[in-house]
PDB file of N, CA and C in Angstrom:
ATOM      1  N   MET A   1      93.866-170.094  88.998  1.00  0.00           N
ATOM      2  CA  MET A   1      94.909-169.628  89.738  1.00  0.00           C
ATOM      3  C   MET A   1      94.372-169.029  91.029  1.00  0.00           C
ATOM      4  N   SER A   2      95.105-169.391  92.150  1.00  0.00           N
ATOM      5  CA  SER A   2      94.440-169.237  93.339  1.00  0.00           C
ATOM      6  C   SER A   2      95.233-168.010  93.887  1.00  0.00           C
ATOM      7  N   GLY A   3      94.366-166.918  94.539  1.00  0.00           N
ATOM      8  CA  GLY A   3      95.074-165.858  95.162  1.00  0.00           C
ATOM      9  C   GLY A   3      95.663-166.182  96.589  1.00  0.00           C
ATOM     10  N   ARG A   4      95.560-167.327  97.093  1.00  0.00           N
ATOM     11  CA  ARG A   4      95.978-167.587  98.353  1.00  0.00           C
ATOM     12  C   ARG A   4      97.493-167.317  98.513  1.00  0.00           C
ATOM     13  N   GLY A   5      98.104-167.557  97.648  1.00  0.00           N
ATOM     14  CA  GLY A   5      99.789-167.370  97.653  1.00  0.00           C
ATOM     15  C   GLY A   5     100.000-165.883  97.771  1.00  0.00           C
ATOM     16  N   VAL A   6      99.160-164.977  97.131  1.00  0.00           N
ATOM     17  CA  VAL A   6      99.393-163.623  97.255  1.00  0.00           C
ATOM     18  C   VAL A   6      99.183-163.139  98.673  1.00  0.00           C
ATOM     19  N   TRP A   7      98.000-163.630  99.227  1.00  0.00           N
ATOM     20  CA  TRP A   7      97.809-163.166 100.672  1.00  0.00           C
ATOM     21  C   TRP A   7      98.852-163.779 101.656  1.00  0.00           C
ATOM     22  N   LEU A   8      99.310-164.911 101.363  1.00  0.00           N
ATOM     23  CA  LEU A   8     100.308-165.394 102.385  1.00  0.00           C
ATOM     24  C   LEU A   8     101.623-164.639 102.220  1.00  0.00           C
ATOM     25  N   ARG A   9     101.902-164.127 101.016  1.00  0.00           N
ATOM     26  CA  ARG A   9     103.110-163.453 101.008  1.00  0.00           C
ATOM     27  C   ARG A   9     103.117-161.980 101.631  1.00  0.00           C
ATOM     28  N   ALA A  10     101.751-161.472 101.369  1.00  0.00           N
ATOM     29  CA  ALA A  10     101.379-160.060 101.917  1.00  0.00           C
ATOM     30  C   ALA A  10     101.497-160.127 103.475  1.00  0.00           C
ATOM     31  N   ARG A  11     100.896-161.291 104.059  1.00  0.00           N
ATOM     32  CA  ARG A  11     100.964-161.368 105.466  1.00  0.00           C
ATOM     33  C   ARG A  11     102.378-161.536 105.901  1.00  0.00           C
ATOM     34  N   ALA A  12     103.123-162.245 105.248  1.00  0.00           N
ATOM     35  CA  ALA A  12     104.531-162.494 105.792  1.00  0.00           C
ATOM     36  C   ALA A  12     105.423-161.123 105.770  1.00  0.00           C
ATOM     37  N   ARG A  13     104.951-160.271 104.647  1.00  0.00           N
ATOM     38  CA  ARG A  13     105.606-158.969 104.771  1.00  0.00           C
ATOM     39  C   ARG A  13     105.048-158.056 105.793  1.00  0.00           C
ATOM     40  N   LEU A  14     103.834-158.124 106.011  1.00  0.00           N
ATOM     41  CA  LEU A  14     103.342-157.309 107.223  1.00  0.00           C
ATOM     42  C   LEU A  14     103.874-157.812 108.669  1.00  0.00           C
ATOM     43  N   ARG A  15     104.098-159.142 108.730  1.00  0.00           N
ATOM     44  CA  ARG A  15     104.610-159.503 110.063  1.00  0.00           C
ATOM     45  C   ARG A  15     105.998-158.964 110.216  1.00  0.00           C
ATOM     46  N   ARG A  16     106.684-158.708 109.207  1.00  0.00           N
ATOM     47  CA  ARG A  16     108.035-158.076 109.475  1.00  0.00           C
ATOM     48  C   ARG A  16     108.014-156.619 109.621  1.00  0.00           C
ATOM     49  N   PHE A  17     106.757-155.871 109.549  1.00  0.00           N
ATOM     50  CA  PHE A  17     106.804-154.400 109.527  1.00  0.00           C
ATOM     51  C   PHE A  17     107.279-154.008 110.956  1.00  0.00           C
ATOM     52  N   PRO A  18     106.702-154.531 112.078  1.00  0.00           N
ATOM     53  CA  PRO A  18     107.029-154.007 113.374  1.00  0.00           C
ATOM     54  C   PRO A  18     108.544-153.969 113.548  1.00  0.00           C
ATOM     55  N   ALA A  19     109.305-155.062 113.229  1.00  0.00           N
ATOM     56  CA  ALA A  19     110.674-155.227 113.352  1.00  0.00           C
ATOM     57  C   ALA A  19     111.417-154.137 112.543  1.00  0.00           C
ATOM     58  N   ALA A  20     110.912-153.845 111.434  1.00  0.00           N
ATOM     59  CA  ALA A  20     111.499-152.814 110.420  1.00  0.00           C
ATOM     60  C   ALA A  20     111.226-151.511 110.978  1.00  0.00           C
ATOM     61  N   LEU A  21     110.100-151.299 111.585  1.00  0.00           N
ATOM     62  CA  LEU A  21     109.857-150.084 112.148  1.00  0.00           C
ATOM     63  C   LEU A  21     110.748-149.742 113.342  1.00  0.00           C
ATOM     64  N   ALA A  22     110.644-150.663 114.152  1.00  0.00           N
ATOM     65  CA  ALA A  22     111.694-150.642 115.397  1.00  0.00           C
ATOM     66  C   ALA A  22     113.190-150.248 115.015  1.00  0.00           C
ATOM     67  N   ALA A  23     113.591-150.891 113.870  1.00  0.00           N
ATOM     68  CA  ALA A  23     114.889-150.758 113.451  1.00  0.00           C
ATOM     69  C   ALA A  23     115.209-149.297 112.975  1.00  0.00           C
ATOM     70  N   CYS A  24     114.047-148.581 112.569  1.00  0.00           N
ATOM     71  CA  CYS A  24     114.136-147.309 111.750  1.00  0.00           C
ATOM     72  C   CYS A  24     113.585-146.192 112.535  1.00  0.00           C
ATOM     73  N   GLY A  25     113.464-146.331 113.943  1.00  0.00           N
ATOM     74  CA  GLY A  25     112.892-145.381 114.822  1.00  0.00           C
ATOM     75  C   GLY A  25     113.385-144.033 114.723  1.00  0.00           C
ATOM     76  N   ASP A  26     114.623-143.813 114.560  1.00  0.00           N
ATOM     77  CA  ASP A  26     115.276-142.392 114.338  1.00  0.00           C
ATOM     78  C   ASP A  26     114.722-141.749 113.047  1.00  0.00           C
ATOM     79  N   GLN A  27     114.773-142.577 111.910  1.00  0.00           N
ATOM     80  CA  GLN A  27     114.346-142.028 110.650  1.00  0.00           C
ATOM     81  C   GLN A  27     112.838-141.851 110.639  1.00  0.00           C
ATOM     82  N   ALA A  28     112.048-142.603 111.319  1.00  0.00           N
ATOM     83  CA  ALA A  28     110.676-142.489 111.329  1.00  0.00           C
ATOM     84  C   ALA A  28     110.235-141.221 112.062  1.00  0.00           C
ATOM     85  N   ALA A  29     110.929-141.005 113.402  1.00  0.00           N
ATOM     86  CA  ALA A  29     110.863-139.763 114.206  1.00  0.00           C
ATOM     87  C   ALA A  29     111.089-138.531 113.305  1.00  0.00           C
ATOM     88  N   ALA A  30     112.301-138.588 112.543  1.00  0.00           N
ATOM     89  CA  ALA A  30     112.565-137.423 111.821  1.00  0.00           C
ATOM     90  C   ALA A  30     111.686-136.994 110.717  1.00  0.00           C
ATOM     91  N   TYR A  31     111.088-138.165 110.030  1.00  0.00           N
ATOM     92  CA  TYR A  31     110.077-137.891 109.147  1.00  0.00           C
ATOM     93  C   TYR A  31     108.856-137.254 109.673  1.00  0.00           C
ATOM     94  N   GLY A  32     108.417-137.850 110.713  1.00  0.00           N
ATOM     95  CA  GLY A  32     107.185-137.385 111.479  1.00  0.00           C
ATOM     96  C   GLY A  32     107.327-135.929 111.932  1.00  0.00           C
ATOM     97  N   ARG A  33     108.509-135.654 112.471  1.00  0.00           N
ATOM     98  CA  ARG A  33     108.736-134.222 112.913  1.00  0.00           C
ATOM     99  C   ARG A  33     108.671-133.239 111.728  1.00  0.00           C
ATOM    100  N   CYS A  34     109.252-133.657 110.611  1.00  0.00           N
ATOM    101  CA  CYS A  34     109.252-132.870 109.347  1.00  0.00           C
ATOM    102  C   CYS A  34     107.827-132.699 108.937  1.00  0.00           C
ATOM    103  N   VAL A  35     107.001-133.709 108.866  1.00  0.00           N
ATOM    104  CA  VAL A  35     105.625-133.580 108.267  1.00  0.00           C
ATOM    105  C   VAL A  35     104.875-132.795 109.198  1.00  0.00           C
ATOM    106  N   ALA A  36     105.064-132.885 110.647  1.00  0.00           N
ATOM    107  CA  ALA A  36     104.349-132.034 111.666  1.00  0.00           C
ATOM    108  C   ALA A  36     104.660-130.766 111.494  1.00  0.00           C
ATOM    109  N   ALA A  37     106.003-130.327 111.272  1.00  0.00           N
ATOM    110  CA  ALA A  37     106.255-128.994 111.145  1.00  0.00           C
ATOM    111  C   ALA A  37     105.614-128.344 109.898  1.00  0.00           C
ATOM    112  N   ALA A  38     105.805-129.078 108.867  1.00  0.00           N
ATOM    113  CA  ALA A  38     105.321-128.601 107.532  1.00  0.00           C
ATOM    114  C   ALA A  38     103.701-128.453 107.450  1.00  0.00           C
ATOM    115  N   ALA A  39     103.100-129.299 108.284  1.00  0.00           N
ATOM    116  CA  ALA A  39     101.467-129.108 108.354  1.00  0.00           C
ATOM    117  C   ALA A  39     101.116-128.161 109.326  1.00  0.00           C
ATOM    118  N   ALA A  40     101.891-127.621 110.147  1.00  0.00           N
ATOM    119  CA  ALA A  40     101.523-126.687 111.341  1.00  0.00           C
ATOM    120  C   ALA A  40     101.415-125.327 110.720  1.00  0.00           C
ATOM    121  N   GLY A  41     100.410-124.724 111.135  1.00  0.00           N
ATOM    122  CA  GLY A  41     100.225-123.297 110.754  1.00  0.00           C
ATOM    123  C   GLY A  41      99.416-123.171 109.493  1.00  0.00           C
ATOM    124  N   PRO A  42      99.117-122.081 109.053  1.00  0.00           N
ATOM    125  CA  PRO A  42      98.132-121.864 107.737  1.00  0.00           C
ATOM    126  C   PRO A  42      98.585-122.514 106.554  1.00  0.00           C
ATOM    127  N   ALA A  43      99.867-122.656 106.351  1.00  0.00           N
ATOM    128  CA  ALA A  43     100.294-123.147 104.994  1.00  0.00           C
ATOM    129  C   ALA A  43      99.918-124.598 104.734  1.00  0.00           C
ATOM    130  N   GLU A  44      99.684-124.991 103.469  1.00  0.00           N
ATOM    131  CA  GLU A  44      99.318-126.492 103.174  1.00  0.00           C
ATOM    132  C   GLU A  44     100.621-127.178 103.139  1.00  0.00           C
ATOM    133  N   LEU A  45     100.485-128.562 103.280  1.00  0.00           N
ATOM    134  CA  LEU A  45     101.412-129.387 103.184  1.00  0.00           C
ATOM    135  C   LEU A  45     101.709-129.538 101.599  1.00  0.00           C
ATOM    136  N   ARG A  46     103.022-129.420 101.249  1.00  0.00           N
ATOM    137  CA  ARG A  46     103.322-129.628  99.768  1.00  0.00           C
ATOM    138  C   ARG A  46     104.111-130.939  99.540  1.00  0.00           C
ATOM    139  N   ARG A  47     103.799-131.335  98.294  1.00  0.00           N
ATOM    140  CA  ARG A  47     104.504-132.558  98.067  1.00  0.00           C
ATOM    141  C   ARG A  47     106.208-132.380  97.880  1.00  0.00           C
ATOM    142  N   ASP A  48     106.858-133.367  98.283  1.00  0.00           N
ATOM    143  CA  ASP A  48     108.324-133.332  98.483  1.00  0.00           C
ATOM    144  C   ASP A  48     108.838-132.398  99.439  1.00  0.00           C
ATOM    145  N   THR A  49     108.037-131.920 100.302  1.00  0.00           N
ATOM    146  CA  THR A  49     108.489-130.942 101.424  1.00  0.00           C
ATOM    147  C   THR A  49     109.499-131.765 102.237  1.00  0.00           C
ATOM    148  N   CYS A  50     109.188-133.011 102.628  1.00  0.00           N
ATOM    149  CA  CYS A  50     110.021-133.723 103.502  1.00  0.00           C
ATOM    150  C   CYS A  50     110.627-135.052 102.748  1.00  0.00           C
ATOM    151  N   LEU A  51     111.011-134.795 101.493  1.00  0.00           N
ATOM    152  CA  LEU A  51     111.555-135.837 100.673  1.00  0.00           C
ATOM    153  C   LEU A  51     112.793-136.416 101.270  1.00  0.00           C
ATOM    154  N   GLU A  52     113.813-135.669 101.609  1.00  0.00           N
ATOM    155  CA  GLU A  52     115.030-136.198 102.129  1.00  0.00           C
ATOM    156  C   GLU A  52     114.706-137.216 103.351  1.00  0.00           C
ATOM    157  N   GLU A  53     113.882-136.781 104.277  1.00  0.00           N
ATOM    158  CA  GLU A  53     113.531-137.644 105.391  1.00  0.00           C
ATOM    159  C   GLU A  53     112.734-138.877 105.055  1.00  0.00           C
ATOM    160  N   PHE A  54     111.891-138.720 104.008  1.00  0.00           N
ATOM    161  CA  PHE A  54     111.153-139.874 103.418  1.00  0.00           C
ATOM    162  C   PHE A  54     112.079-140.895 102.895  1.00  0.00           C
ATOM    163  N   GLN A  55     113.057-140.381 102.092  1.00  0.00           N
ATOM    164  CA  GLN A  55     113.912-141.319 101.533  1.00  0.00           C
ATOM    165  C   GLN A  55     114.847-142.009 102.298  1.00  0.00           C
ATOM    166  N   ALA A  56     115.276-141.350 103.485  1.00  0.00           N
ATOM    167  CA  ALA A  56     116.025-141.903 104.407  1.00  0.00           C
ATOM    168  C   ALA A  56     115.268-142.996 105.191  1.00  0.00           C
ATOM    169  N   LEU A  57     113.960-142.728 105.496  1.00  0.00           N
ATOM    170  CA  LEU A  57     113.217-143.791 106.184  1.00  0.00           C
ATOM    171  C   LEU A  57     112.965-144.985 105.116  1.00  0.00           C
ATOM    172  N   ARG A  58     112.736-144.540 103.871  1.00  0.00           N
ATOM    173  CA  ARG A  58     112.456-145.816 102.808  1.00  0.00           C
ATOM    174  C   ARG A  58     113.725-146.645 102.811  1.00  0.00           C
ATOM    175  N   GLU A  59     114.936-146.102 102.736  1.00  0.00           N
ATOM    176  CA  GLU A  59     116.187-146.845 102.680  1.00  0.00           C
ATOM    177  C   GLU A  59     116.333-147.663 103.955  1.00  0.00           C
ATOM    178  N   CYS A  60     116.000-147.004 105.033  1.00  0.00           N
ATOM    179  CA  CYS A  60     116.118-147.926 106.295  1.00  0.00           C
ATOM    180  C   CYS A  60     115.282-149.039 106.273  1.00  0.00           C
ATOM    181  N   PHE A  61     113.939-148.827 105.846  1.00  0.00           N
ATOM    182  CA  PHE A  61     113.065-149.925 105.807  1.00  0.00           C
ATOM    183  C   PHE A  61     113.598-151.127 104.754  1.00  0.00           C
ATOM    184  N   ALA A  62     113.949-150.633 103.660  1.00  0.00           N
ATOM    185  CA  ALA A  62     114.515-151.657 102.801  1.00  0.00           C
ATOM    186  C   ALA A  62     115.654-152.556 103.398  1.00  0.00           C
ATOM    187  N   ARG A  63     116.663-151.895 103.950  1.00  0.00           N
ATOM    188  CA  ARG A  63     117.461-152.549 104.733  1.00  0.00           C
ATOM    189  C   ARG A  63     117.182-153.465 105.868  1.00  0.00           C
ATOM    190  N   ALA A  64     116.235-153.007 106.622  1.00  0.00           N
ATOM    191  CA  ALA A  64     115.711-153.702 107.777  1.00  0.00           C
ATOM    192  C   ALA A  64     115.032-154.909 107.277  1.00  0.00           C
ATOM    193  N   VAL A  65     114.184-154.701 106.190  1.00  0.00           N
ATOM    194  CA  VAL A  65     113.463-155.860 105.575  1.00  0.00           C
ATOM    195  C   VAL A  65     114.410-156.935 105.133  1.00  0.00           C
ATOM    196  N   ARG A  66     115.458-156.555 104.425  1.00  0.00           N
ATOM    197  CA  ARG A  66     116.357-157.636 103.932  1.00  0.00           C
ATOM    198  C   ARG A  66     117.074-158.330 105.191  1.00  0.00           C
ATOM    199  N   LEU A  67     117.324-157.640 106.276  1.00  0.00           N
ATOM    200  CA  LEU A  67     117.980-158.332 107.310  1.00  0.00           C
ATOM    201  C   LEU A  67     117.092-159.100 108.339  1.00  0.00           C
ATOM    202  N   CYS A  68     115.666-158.645 108.181  1.00  0.00           N
ATOM    203  CA  CYS A  68     114.702-159.377 109.149  1.00  0.00           C
ATOM    204  C   CYS A  68     114.473-160.843 108.566  1.00  0.00           C
ATOM    205  N   PRO A  69     114.573-161.923 109.538  1.00  0.00           N
ATOM    206  CA  PRO A  69     114.174-163.172 109.071  1.00  0.00           C
ATOM    207  C   PRO A  69     112.708-163.209 108.652  1.00  0.00           C
ATOM    208  N   SER A  70     112.434-164.107 107.541  1.00  0.00           N
ATOM    209  CA  SER A  70     111.239-164.249 107.023  1.00  0.00           C
ATOM    210  C   SER A  70     110.192-164.801 107.957  1.00  0.00           C
TER     211      SER A  70
END
């Protein structure tokens, strides 16, 4: 069994990433602001601090990938 097909599929997904990121700029910015604010100062970054923003970004990526041509 060849691993070539796996790499071809992975590359195809990675080629769609820039378009998905461009389509989700607002969500990516909101998540980035949340992480930056949570990491600022002496407190440590905790798990699920920016969960709402992350889920919005993840859902946007999922929608964008479905809509982007292969």
